[in-house]
C-alpha atoms as a PDB file:
ATOM      1  CA  MET A   1     291.181  91.212 125.232  1.00  0.00           C
ATOM      2  CA  ILE A   2     290.426  90.033 121.579  1.00  0.00           C
ATOM      3  CA  GLU A   3     293.188  90.448 118.957  1.00  0.00           C
ATOM      4  CA  PHE A   4     290.909  91.282 115.715  1.00  0.00           C
ATOM      5  CA  SER A   5     291.496  90.180 112.616  1.00  0.00           C
ATOM      6  CA  ASP A   6     290.921  91.029 108.916  1.00  0.00           C
ATOM      7  CA  ASN A   7     289.560  87.570 107.885  1.00  0.00           C
ATOM      8  CA  LYS A   8     286.451  87.301 109.464  1.00  0.00           C
ATOM      9  CA  PRO A   9     283.795  90.370 110.645  1.00  0.00           C
ATOM     10  CA  ILE A  10     284.182  91.848 114.029  1.00  0.00           C
ATOM     11  CA  TYR A  11     280.903  90.981 115.356  1.00  0.00           C
ATOM     12  CA  ARG A  12     281.549  87.207 114.366  1.00  0.00           C
ATOM     13  CA  GLN A  13     284.674  87.519 115.696  1.00  0.00           C
ATOM     14  CA  ILE A  14     282.631  88.423 119.298  1.00  0.00           C
ATOM     15  CA  VAL A  15     280.349  85.798 118.907  1.00  0.00           C
ATOM     16  CA  ASP A  16     283.384  83.301 118.690  1.00  0.00           C
ATOM     17  CA  HIS A  17     285.106  84.999 121.481  1.00  0.00           C
ATOM     18  CA  ALA A  18     281.493  84.423 123.484  1.00  0.00           C
ATOM     19  CA  TYR A  19     281.752  80.834 122.490  1.00  0.00           C
ATOM     20  CA  ASN A  20     284.962  80.499 124.020  1.00  0.00           C
ATOM     21  CA  LEU A  21     283.854  81.875 127.287  1.00  0.00           C
ATOM     22  CA  ILE A  22     281.116  79.836 127.305  1.00  0.00           C
ATOM     23  CA  LEU A  23     283.178  76.145 126.723  1.00  0.00           C
ATOM     24  CA  ASP A  24     285.550  77.643 129.339  1.00  0.00           C
ATOM     25  CA  GLY A  25     283.051  77.952 132.044  1.00  0.00           C
ATOM     26  CA  ARG A  26     283.821  81.491 132.165  1.00  0.00           C
ATOM     27  CA  TRP A  27     280.407  82.429 131.365  1.00  0.00           C
ATOM     28  CA  GLU A  28     277.948  79.913 133.431  1.00  0.00           C
ATOM     29  CA  PRO A  29     274.386  78.487 132.224  1.00  0.00           C
ATOM     30  CA  GLY A  30     271.717  80.714 134.131  1.00  0.00           C
ATOM     31  CA  ALA A  31     274.087  83.612 135.109  1.00  0.00           C
ATOM     32  CA  ARG A  32     274.106  87.284 133.512  1.00  0.00           C
ATOM     33  CA  VAL A  33     276.512  87.789 130.800  1.00  0.00           C
ATOM     34  CA  PRO A  34     277.864  91.623 130.290  1.00  0.00           C
ATOM     35  CA  SER A  35     275.751  93.870 128.470  1.00  0.00           C
ATOM     36  CA  VAL A  36     276.424  95.643 125.250  1.00  0.00           C
ATOM     37  CA  ARG A  37     277.945  98.714 126.712  1.00  0.00           C
ATOM     38  CA  GLU A  38     280.279  96.882 129.254  1.00  0.00           C
ATOM     39  CA  LEU A  39     281.583  94.200 126.021  1.00  0.00           C
ATOM     40  CA  ALA A  40     282.036  97.235 124.024  1.00  0.00           C
ATOM     41  CA  ALA A  41     284.270  98.865 126.691  1.00  0.00           C
ATOM     42  CA  GLU A  42     286.287  95.995 127.519  1.00  0.00           C
ATOM     43  CA  LEU A  43     286.811  94.946 123.699  1.00  0.00           C
ATOM     44  CA  GLY A  44     287.499  98.418 122.499  1.00  0.00           C
ATOM     45  CA  VAL A  45     284.392  98.007 119.818  1.00  0.00           C
ATOM     46  CA  ASN A  46     281.228  99.942 118.789  1.00  0.00           C
ATOM     47  CA  THR A  47     278.201  99.048 120.793  1.00  0.00           C
ATOM     48  CA  ARG A  48     276.347  98.396 117.702  1.00  0.00           C
ATOM     49  CA  THR A  49     278.785  95.623 116.664  1.00  0.00           C
ATOM     50  CA  VAL A  50     278.656  94.020 120.016  1.00  0.00           C
ATOM     51  CA  LEU A  51     274.660  94.300 119.645  1.00  0.00           C
ATOM     52  CA  LYS A  52     275.084  92.839 116.355  1.00  0.00           C
ATOM     53  CA  ALA A  53     276.817  89.924 118.037  1.00  0.00           C
ATOM     54  CA  MET A  54     274.234  89.541 120.650  1.00  0.00           C
ATOM     55  CA  GLU A  55     271.700  88.881 118.369  1.00  0.00           C
ATOM     56  CA  ASP A  56     273.392  86.256 117.040  1.00  0.00           C
ATOM     57  CA  LEU A  57     274.254  84.715 120.198  1.00  0.00           C
ATOM     58  CA  GLN A  58     270.103  85.499 121.072  1.00  0.00           C
ATOM     59  CA  ALA A  59     269.223  84.056 117.373  1.00  0.00           C
ATOM     60  CA  ALA A  60     271.072  80.802 118.491  1.00  0.00           C
ATOM     61  CA  ASP A  61     269.327  80.453 121.676  1.00  0.00           C
ATOM     62  CA  VAL A  62     272.728  80.647 123.200  1.00  0.00           C
ATOM     63  CA  ILE A  63     271.446  83.811 125.598  1.00  0.00           C
ATOM     64  CA  TYR A  64     268.151  85.652 126.159  1.00  0.00           C
ATOM     65  CA  SER A  65     266.877  88.422 127.567  1.00  0.00           C
ATOM     66  CA  ARG A  66     265.276  89.088 130.580  1.00  0.00           C
ATOM     67  CA  ARG A  67     263.368  92.405 130.548  1.00  0.00           C
ATOM     68  CA  GLY A  68     265.633  94.991 132.829  1.00  0.00           C
ATOM     69  CA  MET A  69     268.082  92.487 133.531  1.00  0.00           C
ATOM     70  CA  GLY A  70     270.218  92.461 130.210  1.00  0.00           C
ATOM     71  CA  PHE A  71     271.299  88.851 128.770  1.00  0.00           C
ATOM     72  CA  SER A  72     271.726  86.159 130.898  1.00  0.00           C
ATOM     73  CA  LEU A  73     273.060  82.281 129.379  1.00  0.00           C
ATOM     74  CA  ALA A  74     270.789  79.777 128.580  1.00  0.00           C
ATOM     75  CA  GLU A  75     271.109  76.742 130.512  1.00  0.00           C
ATOM     76  CA  ASP A  76     272.003  74.368 127.593  1.00  0.00           C
ATOM     77  CA  ALA A  77     274.213  77.161 126.102  1.00  0.00           C
ATOM     78  CA  PRO A  78     277.376  74.825 126.135  1.00  0.00           C
ATOM     79  CA  ARG A  79     275.753  72.454 124.178  1.00  0.00           C
ATOM     80  CA  LYS A  80     274.299  74.509 121.501  1.00  0.00           C
ATOM     81  CA  VAL A  81     277.761  75.996 121.113  1.00  0.00           C
ATOM     82  CA  ARG A  82     279.381  72.586 121.076  1.00  0.00           C
ATOM     83  CA  GLU A  83     276.623  71.436 118.380  1.00  0.00           C
ATOM     84  CA  GLN A  84     277.244  74.635 116.287  1.00  0.00           C
ATOM     85  CA  LEU A  85     281.088  74.508 116.171  1.00  0.00           C
ATOM     86  CA  ARG A  86     280.684  70.891 115.480  1.00  0.00           C
ATOM     87  CA  HIS A  87     278.734  71.936 112.465  1.00  0.00           C
ATOM     88  CA  GLU A  88     280.990  74.487 111.193  1.00  0.00           C
ATOM     89  CA  PHE A  89     283.678  72.147 111.482  1.00  0.00           C
ATOM     90  CA  PHE A  90     282.217  69.470 109.314  1.00  0.00           C
ATOM     91  CA  GLU A  91     281.044  71.945 106.915  1.00  0.00           C
ATOM     92  CA  SER A  92     283.675  74.518 106.450  1.00  0.00           C
ATOM     93  CA  THR A  93     286.993  73.270 108.126  1.00  0.00           C
ATOM     94  CA  LEU A  94     286.874  69.936 107.389  1.00  0.00           C
ATOM     95  CA  PRO A  95     286.476  70.792 103.001  1.00  0.00           C
ATOM     96  CA  ARG A  96     289.514  73.005 103.715  1.00  0.00           C
ATOM     97  CA  LEU A  97     291.245  70.439 105.280  1.00  0.00           C
ATOM     98  CA  GLU A  98     290.743  67.841 102.773  1.00  0.00           C
ATOM     99  CA  SER A  99     292.031  70.233 100.244  1.00  0.00           C
ATOM    100  CA  GLU A 100     295.021  71.227 101.629  1.00  0.00           C
ATOM    101  CA  MET A 101     295.850  67.545 102.230  1.00  0.00           C
ATOM    102  CA  LYS A 102     295.208  66.844  98.596  1.00  0.00           C
ATOM    103  CA  MET A 103     297.600  69.849  97.817  1.00  0.00           C
ATOM    104  CA  LEU A 104     300.140  68.606  99.979  1.00  0.00           C
ATOM    105  CA  GLY A 105     299.751  65.084  99.379  1.00  0.00           C
ATOM    106  CA  ILE A 106     298.891  64.051 102.575  1.00  0.00           C
ATOM    107  CA  THR A 107     297.225  60.617 103.266  1.00  0.00           C
ATOM    108  CA  VAL A 108     294.437  60.076 105.676  1.00  0.00           C
ATOM    109  CA  GLU A 109     296.826  57.360 107.149  1.00  0.00           C
ATOM    110  CA  GLU A 110     299.429  60.326 107.538  1.00  0.00           C
ATOM    111  CA  LEU A 111     296.875  62.639 109.107  1.00  0.00           C
ATOM    112  CA  THR A 112     295.554  59.932 111.705  1.00  0.00           C
ATOM    113  CA  GLU A 113     299.136  59.382 113.143  1.00  0.00           C
ATOM    114  CA  ALA A 114     299.628  62.745 113.192  1.00  0.00           C
ATOM    115  CA  LEU A 115     296.888  63.218 115.443  1.00  0.00           C
ATOM    116  CA  LYS A 116     297.163  60.443 117.681  1.00  0.00           C
ATOM    117  CA  THR A 117     300.252  61.496 118.916  1.00  0.00           C
ATOM    118  CA  ARG A 118     298.755  65.016 119.431  1.00  0.00           C
ATOM    119  CA  LEU A 119     295.806  63.896 121.106  1.00  0.00           C
END
């Protein structure tokens, strides 16, 4: 179950949830993914919201529709998801981090040391 937050549209949170399932290996390449109705029931959201998320996943070539079979996960979905998330990191997360570091007076060296102890 997803704990939905107000800071991002629900359909986008569902996409992020799907990305996590893909990267964790719970949705396997080539396998059928849950239907729109199944996901809507599981997550307790409107089917239209889930359909919007599935449309986004399909537009990103992460899932594909099989006539009469529903959606399946693309063979290269984990790679595509990683590429997308890396892009988001460098375009969105990193600039926010840089701004916060400047505001708090954190140097690159301090960040590097902190990361070394965590990774």
